[in-house]
C-alpha atoms as a PDB file:
ATOM      1  CA  MET A   1       0.135   1.880  -8.911  1.00  0.00           C
ATOM      2  CA  LYS A   2       2.027  -0.910 -10.718  1.00  0.00           C
ATOM      3  CA  ASN A   3       4.223   1.771 -12.331  1.00  0.00           C
ATOM      4  CA  SER A   4       5.287   3.051  -8.914  1.00  0.00           C
ATOM      5  CA  TYR A   5       6.396  -0.409  -7.791  1.00  0.00           C
ATOM      6  CA  ASP A   6       8.481  -0.806 -10.972  1.00  0.00           C
ATOM      7  CA  HIS A   7       9.767   2.784 -11.290  1.00  0.00           C
ATOM      8  CA  ASN A   8      13.589   2.658 -11.289  1.00  0.00           C
ATOM      9  CA  VAL A   9      14.309   6.106  -9.899  1.00  0.00           C
ATOM     10  CA  THR A  10      15.305   7.532  -6.548  1.00  0.00           C
ATOM     11  CA  LEU A  11      13.203  10.504  -5.533  1.00  0.00           C
ATOM     12  CA  TYR A  12      14.587  13.621  -3.879  1.00  0.00           C
ATOM     13  CA  LYS A  13      13.331  17.146  -3.373  1.00  0.00           C
ATOM     14  CA  CYS A  14      15.185  20.428  -3.214  1.00  0.00           C
ATOM     15  CA  ARG A  15      14.898  21.861   0.289  1.00  0.00           C
ATOM     16  CA  ARG A  16      15.374  25.336  -1.139  1.00  0.00           C
ATOM     17  CA  CYS A  17      12.383  25.395  -3.529  1.00  0.00           C
ATOM     18  CA  ASN A  18      10.648  22.049  -2.782  1.00  0.00           C
ATOM     19  CA  SER A  19      10.941  20.936  -6.429  1.00  0.00           C
ATOM     20  CA  PRO A  20      10.871  17.153  -7.026  1.00  0.00           C
ATOM     21  CA  LEU A  21      14.043  15.548  -8.391  1.00  0.00           C
ATOM     22  CA  GLU A  22      14.261  12.120  -9.988  1.00  0.00           C
ATOM     23  CA  ILE A  23      17.577  10.269 -10.308  1.00  0.00           C
ATOM     24  CA  GLU A  24      17.463   7.227 -12.578  1.00  0.00           C
ATOM     25  CA  SER A  25      19.036   4.221 -10.904  1.00  0.00           C
ATOM     26  CA  ASN A  26      19.129   0.452 -10.939  1.00  0.00           C
ATOM     27  CA  SER A  27      20.152   0.334  -7.313  1.00  0.00           C
ATOM     28  CA  PHE A  28      19.549   2.743  -4.467  1.00  0.00           C
ATOM     29  CA  TYR A  29      21.449   6.001  -5.088  1.00  0.00           C
ATOM     30  CA  TRP A  30      22.532   8.277  -2.251  1.00  0.00           C
ATOM     31  CA  PHE A  31      23.298  11.986  -2.529  1.00  0.00           C
ATOM     32  CA  CYS A  32      27.052  12.337  -2.038  1.00  0.00           C
ATOM     33  CA  GLY A  33      27.624  16.083  -1.849  1.00  0.00           C
ATOM     34  CA  LEU A  34      27.013  19.373  -3.618  1.00  0.00           C
ATOM     35  CA  ASP A  35      29.622  18.557  -6.268  1.00  0.00           C
ATOM     36  CA  ASP A  36      27.714  15.509  -7.508  1.00  0.00           C
ATOM     37  CA  ALA A  37      27.016  16.145 -11.207  1.00  0.00           C
ATOM     38  CA  ASN A  38      23.881  13.969 -11.196  1.00  0.00           C
ATOM     39  CA  PHE A  39      22.002  16.581  -9.192  1.00  0.00           C
ATOM     40  CA  TRP A  40      20.609  19.767 -10.670  1.00  0.00           C
ATOM     41  CA  CYS A  41      17.515  21.716  -9.696  1.00  0.00           C
ATOM     42  CA  PRO A  42      15.860  23.174 -12.823  1.00  0.00           C
ATOM     43  CA  ALA A  43      13.644  25.488 -10.750  1.00  0.00           C
ATOM     44  CA  CYS A  44      16.555  27.041  -8.835  1.00  0.00           C
ATOM     45  CA  GLU A  45      18.916  26.675 -11.819  1.00  0.00           C
ATOM     46  CA  ASP A  46      21.516  25.573  -9.332  1.00  0.00           C
ATOM     47  CA  LEU A  47      22.813  22.525  -7.497  1.00  0.00           C
ATOM     48  CA  PRO A  48      20.039  21.546  -5.105  1.00  0.00           C
ATOM     49  CA  GLN A  49      20.043  21.109  -1.397  1.00  0.00           C
ATOM     50  CA  ALA A  50      18.826  17.547  -1.892  1.00  0.00           C
ATOM     51  CA  GLU A  51      16.618  15.714   0.576  1.00  0.00           C
ATOM     52  CA  ILE A  52      15.469  12.158   0.054  1.00  0.00           C
ATOM     53  CA  VAL A  53      11.712  11.522  -0.104  1.00  0.00           C
ATOM     54  CA  GLY A  54       9.936   8.785   1.811  1.00  0.00           C
ATOM     55  CA  HIS A  55      11.721   5.771   3.276  1.00  0.00           C
ATOM     56  CA  PRO A  56      14.184   3.413   1.568  1.00  0.00           C
ATOM     57  CA  ALA A  57      12.676   0.033   0.711  1.00  0.00           C
ATOM     58  CA  GLU A  58      15.513  -1.662   2.576  1.00  0.00           C
ATOM     59  CA  ASN A  59      14.279  -0.007   5.785  1.00  0.00           C
ATOM     60  CA  LEU A  60      10.780  -1.496   5.603  1.00  0.00           C
ATOM     61  CA  PRO A  61      10.017  -3.999   8.373  1.00  0.00           C
ATOM     62  CA  ILE A  62      10.678  -7.631   7.438  1.00  0.00           C
ATOM     63  CA  ASP A  63       7.508  -8.803   9.183  1.00  0.00           C
ATOM     64  CA  LEU A  64       4.496  -7.406  11.032  1.00  0.00           C
ATOM     65  CA  VAL A  65       2.576  -8.855  13.964  1.00  0.00           C
ATOM     66  CA  LEU A  66      -1.202  -8.904  13.449  1.00  0.00           C
ATOM     67  CA  PRO A  67      -3.942 -10.232  15.763  1.00  0.00           C
ATOM     68  CA  LYS A  68      -4.668 -13.919  16.373  1.00  0.00           C
ATOM     69  CA  GLY A  69      -1.120 -15.096  15.755  1.00  0.00           C
ATOM     70  CA  PHE A  70      -0.875 -13.956  12.143  1.00  0.00           C
ATOM     71  CA  THR A  71       2.625 -12.712  11.221  1.00  0.00           C
ATOM     72  CA  LEU A  72       2.750 -10.961   7.843  1.00  0.00           C
ATOM     73  CA  LYS A  73       6.062 -11.044   5.948  1.00  0.00           C
ATOM     74  CA  ILE A  74       7.205  -8.232   3.641  1.00  0.00           C
ATOM     75  CA  MET A  75       6.965 -10.810   0.818  1.00  0.00           C
ATOM     76  CA  PRO A  76       5.658 -14.395   0.824  1.00  0.00           C
ATOM     77  CA  LEU A  77       8.166 -17.175   1.378  1.00  0.00           C
ATOM     78  CA  LEU A  78       8.545 -18.855  -2.022  1.00  0.00           C
ATOM     79  CA  GLU A  79       9.537 -22.351  -3.050  1.00  0.00           C
ATOM     80  CA  PRO A  80      12.445 -22.574  -5.551  1.00  0.00           C
ATOM     81  CA  HIS A  81      10.098 -23.315  -8.468  1.00  0.00           C
ATOM     82  CA  GLU A  82       8.052 -20.181  -7.628  1.00  0.00           C
ATOM     83  CA  VAL A  83      10.869 -17.623  -7.635  1.00  0.00           C
ATOM     84  CA  ASP A  84      10.688 -16.556 -11.299  1.00  0.00           C
ATOM     85  CA  ASN A  85       6.950 -15.934 -11.190  1.00  0.00           C
ATOM     86  CA  GLY A  86       7.237 -14.559  -7.651  1.00  0.00           C
ATOM     87  CA  ASN A  87       9.365 -11.685  -8.894  1.00  0.00           C
ATOM     88  CA  ILE A  88       6.397 -10.622 -11.033  1.00  0.00           C
ATOM     89  CA  LEU A  89       3.531 -11.565  -8.729  1.00  0.00           C
ATOM     90  CA  TYR A  90       4.574 -10.109  -5.395  1.00  0.00           C
ATOM     91  CA  ARG A  91       5.516  -6.659  -4.149  1.00  0.00           C
ATOM     92  CA  PRO A  92       6.195  -5.531  -0.563  1.00  0.00           C
ATOM     93  CA  TYR A  93       2.969  -5.379   1.461  1.00  0.00           C
ATOM     94  CA  SER A  94       0.759  -5.328  -1.625  1.00  0.00           C
ATOM     95  CA  LYS A  95      -2.764  -6.742  -1.765  1.00  0.00           C
ATOM     96  CA  ARG A  96      -1.534  -9.829  -3.581  1.00  0.00           C
ATOM     97  CA  SER A  97       1.316 -10.406  -1.113  1.00  0.00           C
ATOM     98  CA  PHE A  98      -1.133 -10.134   1.788  1.00  0.00           C
ATOM     99  CA  LEU A  99      -3.680 -12.436   0.134  1.00  0.00           C
ATOM    100  CA  ARG A 100      -1.153 -15.219  -0.475  1.00  0.00           C
ATOM    101  CA  GLN A 101      -0.041 -15.206   3.151  1.00  0.00           C
ATOM    102  CA  TYR A 102      -3.543 -14.823   4.567  1.00  0.00           C
ATOM    103  CA  ILE A 103      -4.728 -17.887   2.628  1.00  0.00           C
ATOM    104  CA  GLU A 104      -1.724 -19.886   3.896  1.00  0.00           C
ATOM    105  CA  TRP A 105      -2.476 -18.787   7.479  1.00  0.00           C
ATOM    106  CA  ILE A 106      -6.116 -19.880   7.179  1.00  0.00           C
ATOM    107  CA  ILE A 107      -5.024 -23.305   5.899  1.00  0.00           C
ATOM    108  CA  LEU A 108      -2.519 -23.725   8.741  1.00  0.00           C
ATOM    109  CA  SER A 109      -5.272 -22.748  11.200  1.00  0.00           C
ATOM    110  CA  GLY A 110      -7.546 -25.493   9.892  1.00  0.00           C
ATOM    111  CA  GLY A 111      -9.756 -23.401   7.627  1.00  0.00           C
ATOM    112  CA  SER A 112     -10.827 -24.014   4.028  1.00  0.00           C
ATOM    113  CA  PRO A 113     -10.230 -20.909   1.901  1.00  0.00           C
ATOM    114  CA  CYS A 114     -10.717 -20.528  -1.831  1.00  0.00           C
ATOM    115  CA  SER A 115      -8.191 -21.788  -4.356  1.00  0.00           C
ATOM    116  CA  LEU A 116      -6.436 -18.850  -6.057  1.00  0.00           C
ATOM    117  CA  LEU A 117      -4.831 -19.507  -9.443  1.00  0.00           C
ATOM    118  CA  SER A 118      -2.684 -16.937 -11.262  1.00  0.00           C
ATOM    119  CA  ASP A 119      -1.687 -16.994 -14.918  1.00  0.00           C
ATOM    120  CA  ILE A 120       1.123 -14.697 -16.137  1.00  0.00           C
ATOM    121  CA  THR A 121       1.728 -13.551 -19.711  1.00  0.00           C
ATOM    122  CA  VAL A 122       5.108 -11.893 -20.362  1.00  0.00           C
ATOM    123  CA  SER A 123       6.049 -10.046 -23.558  1.00  0.00           C
ATOM    124  CA  PRO A 124       8.731  -7.578 -24.718  1.00  0.00           C
ATOM    125  CA  SER A 125       7.841  -3.944 -24.101  1.00  0.00           C
ATOM    126  CA  PHE A 126       7.229  -1.961 -27.292  1.00  0.00           C
ATOM    127  CA  ASP A 127       8.026   1.758 -27.494  1.00  0.00           C
ATOM    128  CA  THR A 128       5.296   3.185 -29.724  1.00  0.00           C
ATOM    129  CA  ALA A 129       7.095   6.523 -30.143  1.00  0.00           C
ATOM    130  CA  LYS A 130      10.337   4.952 -31.399  1.00  0.00           C
ATOM    131  CA  GLN A 131       8.633   1.893 -32.930  1.00  0.00           C
ATOM    132  CA  VAL A 132      11.154  -0.474 -31.360  1.00  0.00           C
ATOM    133  CA  TYR A 133      11.158  -3.131 -28.670  1.00  0.00           C
ATOM    134  CA  THR A 134      12.894  -2.120 -25.431  1.00  0.00           C
ATOM    135  CA  SER A 135      14.886  -4.146 -22.916  1.00  0.00           C
ATOM    136  CA  SER A 136      12.033  -4.101 -20.372  1.00  0.00           C
ATOM    137  CA  LEU A 137       9.162  -6.565 -20.199  1.00  0.00           C
ATOM    138  CA  ASP A 138       5.409  -6.106 -20.026  1.00  0.00           C
ATOM    139  CA  TYR A 139       3.316  -8.593 -18.127  1.00  0.00           C
ATOM    140  CA  ARG A 140      -0.341  -9.301 -17.522  1.00  0.00           C
ATOM    141  CA  ILE A 141      -1.695 -11.332 -14.643  1.00  0.00           C
ATOM    142  CA  TYR A 142      -5.027 -13.124 -14.621  1.00  0.00           C
ATOM    143  CA  ASP A 143      -6.336 -14.376 -11.286  1.00  0.00           C
ATOM    144  CA  SER A 144      -9.150 -16.872 -10.993  1.00  0.00           C
ATOM    145  CA  CYS A 145     -11.071 -18.406  -8.119  1.00  0.00           C
ATOM    146  CA  ASN A 146     -13.399 -21.320  -8.859  1.00  0.00           C
ATOM    147  CA  CYS A 147     -13.233 -20.495 -12.590  1.00  0.00           C
ATOM    148  CA  SER A 148     -14.249 -16.839 -12.017  1.00  0.00           C
ATOM    149  CA  ASP A 149     -12.287 -13.604 -11.688  1.00  0.00           C
ATOM    150  CA  CYS A 150     -10.726 -13.196  -8.245  1.00  0.00           C
ATOM    151  CA  GLN A 151     -12.880 -10.555  -6.573  1.00  0.00           C
ATOM    152  CA  PHE A 152     -10.194  -9.690  -3.994  1.00  0.00           C
ATOM    153  CA  LEU A 153      -7.718  -8.640  -6.709  1.00  0.00           C
ATOM    154  CA  GLN A 154      -9.602  -7.891  -9.910  1.00  0.00           C
ATOM    155  CA  SER A 155     -13.035  -6.462  -9.200  1.00  0.00           C
ATOM    156  CA  LYS A 156     -12.262  -2.715  -9.276  1.00  0.00           C
ATOM    157  CA  THR A 157     -15.894  -1.747  -8.935  1.00  0.00           C
ATOM    158  CA  VAL A 158     -17.210   1.803  -9.286  1.00  0.00           C
ATOM    159  CA  LYS A 159     -20.269   1.239  -7.101  1.00  0.00           C
ATOM    160  CA  PRO A 160     -21.128  -0.998  -4.142  1.00  0.00           C
ATOM    161  CA  GLU A 161     -21.651  -4.621  -5.100  1.00  0.00           C
ATOM    162  CA  ASP A 162     -22.275  -7.936  -3.370  1.00  0.00           C
ATOM    163  CA  ILE A 163     -19.306  -9.666  -1.767  1.00  0.00           C
ATOM    164  CA  LYS A 164     -18.887 -13.124  -3.253  1.00  0.00           C
ATOM    165  CA  CYS A 165     -15.256 -13.619  -2.171  1.00  0.00           C
ATOM    166  CA  SER A 166     -15.024 -15.881   0.894  1.00  0.00           C
ATOM    167  CA  ILE A 167     -11.638 -14.378   1.793  1.00  0.00           C
ATOM    168  CA  ILE A 168     -13.022 -10.825   2.010  1.00  0.00           C
ATOM    169  CA  ARG A 169     -15.886 -12.107   4.148  1.00  0.00           C
ATOM    170  CA  MET A 170     -13.563 -13.919   6.559  1.00  0.00           C
ATOM    171  CA  LEU A 171     -11.067 -11.042   6.770  1.00  0.00           C
ATOM    172  CA  CYS A 172     -13.789  -8.480   7.502  1.00  0.00           C
ATOM    173  CA  ASP A 173     -15.831 -10.608   9.917  1.00  0.00           C
ATOM    174  CA  THR A 174     -15.169  -9.121  13.358  1.00  0.00           C
ATOM    175  CA  LYS A 175     -16.595 -12.215  15.102  1.00  0.00           C
ATOM    176  CA  SER A 176     -14.842 -15.024  13.195  1.00  0.00           C
ATOM    177  CA  ASN A 177     -11.602 -16.845  14.024  1.00  0.00           C
ATOM    178  CA  TYR A 178      -9.971 -15.312  10.949  1.00  0.00           C
ATOM    179  CA  GLY A 179     -11.293 -11.754  11.042  1.00  0.00           C
ATOM    180  CA  LEU A 180      -8.554  -9.182  11.683  1.00  0.00           C
ATOM    181  CA  CYS A 181     -10.595  -5.977  12.006  1.00  0.00           C
ATOM    182  CA  GLN A 182     -11.523  -4.784  15.484  1.00  0.00           C
ATOM    183  CA  THR A 183     -14.684  -2.796  14.721  1.00  0.00           C
ATOM    184  CA  GLY A 184     -17.480  -2.754  12.181  1.00  0.00           C
ATOM    185  CA  ASP A 185     -16.296   0.655  10.916  1.00  0.00           C
ATOM    186  CA  GLU A 186     -12.883  -0.771  10.038  1.00  0.00           C
ATOM    187  CA  ALA A 187     -14.379  -3.874   8.441  1.00  0.00           C
ATOM    188  CA  MET A 188     -16.765  -1.936   6.204  1.00  0.00           C
ATOM    189  CA  ILE A 189     -14.069   0.501   5.018  1.00  0.00           C
ATOM    190  CA  LEU A 190     -11.617  -2.356   4.326  1.00  0.00           C
ATOM    191  CA  GLN A 191     -14.261  -4.355   2.476  1.00  0.00           C
ATOM    192  CA  HIS A 192     -15.060  -1.489   0.111  1.00  0.00           C
ATOM    193  CA  TYR A 193     -11.380  -0.558  -0.271  1.00  0.00           C
ATOM    194  CA  LEU A 194     -10.574  -4.084  -1.461  1.00  0.00           C
ATOM    195  CA  MET A 195     -13.387  -3.953  -4.002  1.00  0.00           C
ATOM    196  CA  LEU A 196     -12.511  -0.465  -5.236  1.00  0.00           C
ATOM    197  CA  THR A 197      -8.768  -0.837  -5.717  1.00  0.00           C
ATOM    198  CA  GLY A 198      -8.842  -3.999  -7.771  1.00  0.00           C
ATOM    199  CA  ALA A 199      -5.294  -3.801  -9.161  1.00  0.00           C
ATOM    200  CA  GLU A 200      -3.117  -6.686  -8.067  1.00  0.00           C
ATOM    201  CA  HIS A 201      -0.223  -4.532  -6.789  1.00  0.00           C
ATOM    202  CA  PHE A 202      -2.229  -1.865  -4.973  1.00  0.00           C
ATOM    203  CA  PRO A 203      -0.883  -1.420  -1.410  1.00  0.00           C
ATOM    204  CA  MET A 204      -2.848  -3.315   1.202  1.00  0.00           C
ATOM    205  CA  LEU A 205      -4.615  -1.755   4.175  1.00  0.00           C
ATOM    206  CA  ILE A 206      -3.089  -4.005   6.837  1.00  0.00           C
ATOM    207  CA  PRO A 207      -5.387  -4.124   9.887  1.00  0.00           C
ATOM    208  CA  GLN A 208      -4.364  -3.872  13.534  1.00  0.00           C
ATOM    209  CA  VAL A 209      -0.564  -4.014  13.162  1.00  0.00           C
ATOM    210  CA  SER A 210       1.514  -3.807  16.336  1.00  0.00           C
ATOM    211  CA  ILE A 211       4.055  -0.963  15.926  1.00  0.00           C
ATOM    212  CA  LEU A 212       6.071   1.493  18.036  1.00  0.00           C
ATOM    213  CA  LYS A 213       7.502  -1.434  20.020  1.00  0.00           C
ATOM    214  CA  GLY A 214       4.017  -2.761  20.687  1.00  0.00           C
ATOM    215  CA  LYS A 215       2.798   0.515  22.173  1.00  0.00           C
ATOM    216  CA  ARG A 216       0.355   1.243  19.344  1.00  0.00           C
ATOM    217  CA  ARG A 217      -1.919  -0.866  17.146  1.00  0.00           C
ATOM    218  CA  PRO A 218      -3.437   1.492  14.541  1.00  0.00           C
ATOM    219  CA  ASP A 219      -6.588   0.580  12.654  1.00  0.00           C
ATOM    220  CA  PHE A 220      -4.624   0.199   9.404  1.00  0.00           C
ATOM    221  CA  LEU A 221      -1.035   0.419   8.209  1.00  0.00           C
ATOM    222  CA  CYS A 222      -0.203   1.037   4.562  1.00  0.00           C
ATOM    223  CA  PHE A 223       3.113   1.171   2.669  1.00  0.00           C
ATOM    224  CA  VAL A 224       2.613   3.244  -0.489  1.00  0.00           C
ATOM    225  CA  PRO A 225       5.325   2.943  -3.176  1.00  0.00           C
ATOM    226  CA  LEU A 226       6.759   6.219  -4.474  1.00  0.00           C
ATOM    227  CA  SER A 227       9.272   4.328  -6.602  1.00  0.00           C
ATOM    228  CA  ARG A 228      10.796   0.883  -6.620  1.00  0.00           C
ATOM    229  CA  PHE A 229      13.201   2.001  -3.905  1.00  0.00           C
ATOM    230  CA  GLN A 230      11.050   4.255  -1.713  1.00  0.00           C
ATOM    231  CA  TYR A 231       7.845   4.076   0.280  1.00  0.00           C
ATOM    232  CA  CYS A 232       5.579   6.238   2.405  1.00  0.00           C
ATOM    233  CA  LYS A 233       4.588   4.716   5.744  1.00  0.00           C
ATOM    234  CA  ILE A 234       0.971   5.626   6.444  1.00  0.00           C
ATOM    235  CA  VAL A 235      -1.108   5.066   9.560  1.00  0.00           C
ATOM    236  CA  ILE A 236      -4.877   5.210   8.984  1.00  0.00           C
ATOM    237  CA  LEU A 237      -7.049   5.826  12.034  1.00  0.00           C
ATOM    238  CA  ILE A 238     -10.843   5.536  12.166  1.00  0.00           C
ATOM    239  CA  ASP A 239     -12.325   8.002  14.659  1.00  0.00           C
ATOM    240  CA  ARG A 240     -15.879   8.069  15.963  1.00  0.00           C
ATOM    241  CA  PHE A 241     -17.403  11.471  16.593  1.00  0.00           C
ATOM    242  CA  GLY A 242     -16.421  12.963  19.964  1.00  0.00           C
ATOM    243  CA  LYS A 243     -12.850  11.720  20.361  1.00  0.00           C
ATOM    244  CA  LEU A 244     -10.865  14.068  22.608  1.00  0.00           C
ATOM    245  CA  LYS A 245      -8.467  16.403  20.812  1.00  0.00           C
ATOM    246  CA  ALA A 246      -5.765  15.786  23.423  1.00  0.00           C
ATOM    247  CA  ASN A 247      -5.826  12.053  22.637  1.00  0.00           C
ATOM    248  CA  ILE A 248      -5.693  12.758  18.906  1.00  0.00           C
ATOM    249  CA  ASP A 249      -2.689  15.073  19.289  1.00  0.00           C
ATOM    250  CA  THR A 250      -0.820  12.545  21.436  1.00  0.00           C
ATOM    251  CA  GLU A 251      -1.371   9.751  18.915  1.00  0.00           C
ATOM    252  CA  ASN A 252      -0.400  11.942  15.955  1.00  0.00           C
ATOM    253  CA  ASN A 253       2.838  13.041  17.624  1.00  0.00           C
ATOM    254  CA  GLU A 254       3.882   9.485  18.479  1.00  0.00           C
ATOM    255  CA  TYR A 255       3.348   8.245  14.924  1.00  0.00           C
ATOM    256  CA  GLN A 256       4.904  11.258  13.212  1.00  0.00           C
ATOM    257  CA  LYS A 257       8.071  11.064  15.333  1.00  0.00           C
ATOM    258  CA  GLU A 258       8.643   7.609  13.827  1.00  0.00           C
ATOM    259  CA  GLY A 259       8.147   8.818  10.245  1.00  0.00           C
ATOM    260  CA  TYR A 260       4.507   7.818   9.706  1.00  0.00           C
ATOM    261  CA  ILE A 261       2.029   9.969   7.825  1.00  0.00           C
ATOM    262  CA  VAL A 262      -1.213  10.022   9.830  1.00  0.00           C
ATOM    263  CA  LYS A 263      -4.494   9.848   7.934  1.00  0.00           C
ATOM    264  CA  ARG A 264      -7.606  10.215  10.071  1.00  0.00           C
ATOM    265  CA  ILE A 265     -11.103   9.274   8.971  1.00  0.00           C
ATOM    266  CA  SER A 266     -13.931  10.662  11.068  1.00  0.00           C
ATOM    267  CA  ILE A 267     -17.123   8.575  11.248  1.00  0.00           C
ATOM    268  CA  ASP A 268     -20.211  10.589  12.167  1.00  0.00           C
ATOM    269  CA  PRO A 269     -23.290   8.346  12.593  1.00  0.00           C
ATOM    270  CA  GLN A 270     -25.512  11.359  11.899  1.00  0.00           C
ATOM    271  CA  ASP A 271     -23.976  12.032   8.471  1.00  0.00           C
ATOM    272  CA  TYR A 272     -26.148   9.823   6.285  1.00  0.00           C
ATOM    273  CA  ASN A 273     -24.571  11.197   3.088  1.00  0.00           C
ATOM    274  CA  LYS A 274     -21.150   9.805   4.044  1.00  0.00           C
ATOM    275  CA  SER A 275     -21.355   6.095   3.248  1.00  0.00           C
ATOM    276  CA  TYR A 276     -18.554   3.617   3.941  1.00  0.00           C
ATOM    277  CA  PHE A 277     -18.239   3.155   0.182  1.00  0.00           C
ATOM    278  CA  LYS A 278     -17.658   6.868  -0.341  1.00  0.00           C
ATOM    279  CA  ILE A 279     -15.106   6.999   2.493  1.00  0.00           C
ATOM    280  CA  ALA A 280     -13.204   4.014   1.036  1.00  0.00           C
ATOM    281  CA  ARG A 281     -13.255   5.579  -2.428  1.00  0.00           C
ATOM    282  CA  GLU A 282     -11.822   8.864  -1.124  1.00  0.00           C
ATOM    283  CA  LEU A 283      -9.136   6.959   0.765  1.00  0.00           C
ATOM    284  CA  SER A 284      -8.092   4.852  -2.238  1.00  0.00           C
ATOM    285  CA  LEU A 285      -7.929   7.955  -4.461  1.00  0.00           C
ATOM    286  CA  TRP A 286      -5.832   9.785  -1.853  1.00  0.00           C
ATOM    287  CA  ILE A 287      -3.390   6.860  -1.697  1.00  0.00           C
ATOM    288  CA  GLN A 288      -3.141   6.739  -5.481  1.00  0.00           C
ATOM    289  CA  LYS A 289      -2.318  10.450  -5.694  1.00  0.00           C
ATOM    290  CA  ILE A 290       0.539  10.449  -3.191  1.00  0.00           C
ATOM    291  CA  LYS A 291       3.560  11.834  -5.057  1.00  0.00           C
ATOM    292  CA  THR A 292       6.896  13.464  -4.337  1.00  0.00           C
ATOM    293  CA  ASN A 293       5.658  16.853  -3.157  1.00  0.00           C
ATOM    294  CA  ASN A 294       2.800  15.874  -0.879  1.00  0.00           C
ATOM    295  CA  ALA A 295       4.206  12.571   0.382  1.00  0.00           C
ATOM    296  CA  LEU A 296       5.495  14.123   3.588  1.00  0.00           C
ATOM    297  CA  GLU A 297       2.677  16.616   3.967  1.00  0.00           C
ATOM    298  CA  GLY A 298      -0.493  14.479   3.751  1.00  0.00           C
ATOM    299  CA  LYS A 299      -1.304  14.522   7.438  1.00  0.00           C
ATOM    300  CA  GLY A 300      -4.878  15.750   7.295  1.00  0.00           C
ATOM    301  CA  GLY A 301      -8.083  13.769   7.458  1.00  0.00           C
ATOM    302  CA  LEU A 302     -10.569  13.070   4.742  1.00  0.00           C
ATOM    303  CA  SER A 303     -12.992  15.861   4.004  1.00  0.00           C
END
């Protein structure tokens, strides 16, 4: 997922054949007509009818309103001495960006969260094929909490394990002053998702965000990077068995009109083979696999 956040291309697709097109760019590049020499569709062997994929990063919301007075910014507000490291540490609406702001909110609310420390190692990028150093940089980030690995960011488990992270516990506690999930279903899926994804730049499942001018508050909102300049806006809804189809269709239409992909997860209490861990794993894999072709088509639920 880190590669998507740092990928300096603008993604298009050809409306004629649906082939993905990548235009290398250091700033956002707009299609400027059929005579533009940068565009060519190898599948059609012709100039494409180009259509941009996803949503420009500049169109992402600057902040989001969550429950209990928590306002989440697209990126944390940084002090001047933090800016250089901040450019490496934080990405729009990533897990790390959320964690930084959530900890600050807990402190301002009178709570006592853990103390997160991050150490960054930067080195020149080496091209093994050409055996030369390139102009780009590689970096590694190590996060610690009380002299141990930060479980919120670095666990990346492959099976259920005990939650030791106080931040995960507070975030997923539906009865605490700092819990942001509305139901136990949401809390359990978020808890396992955080443990499964691990990577510091994986997009965050942001719970109970007020969108559509306050008309809707979906269970989760997620901004998945397709490239450095483009994102998919995804609404994730947790449905209990028996929800009326008419209500589902109404919700889907409202979200899709505003450019959201709708991902529904059906919870059936009678399906004992479908654990919360398995549901979270399927969701995190689905998010990781979102690419150019299926980015605007992934509207189904989890099977």
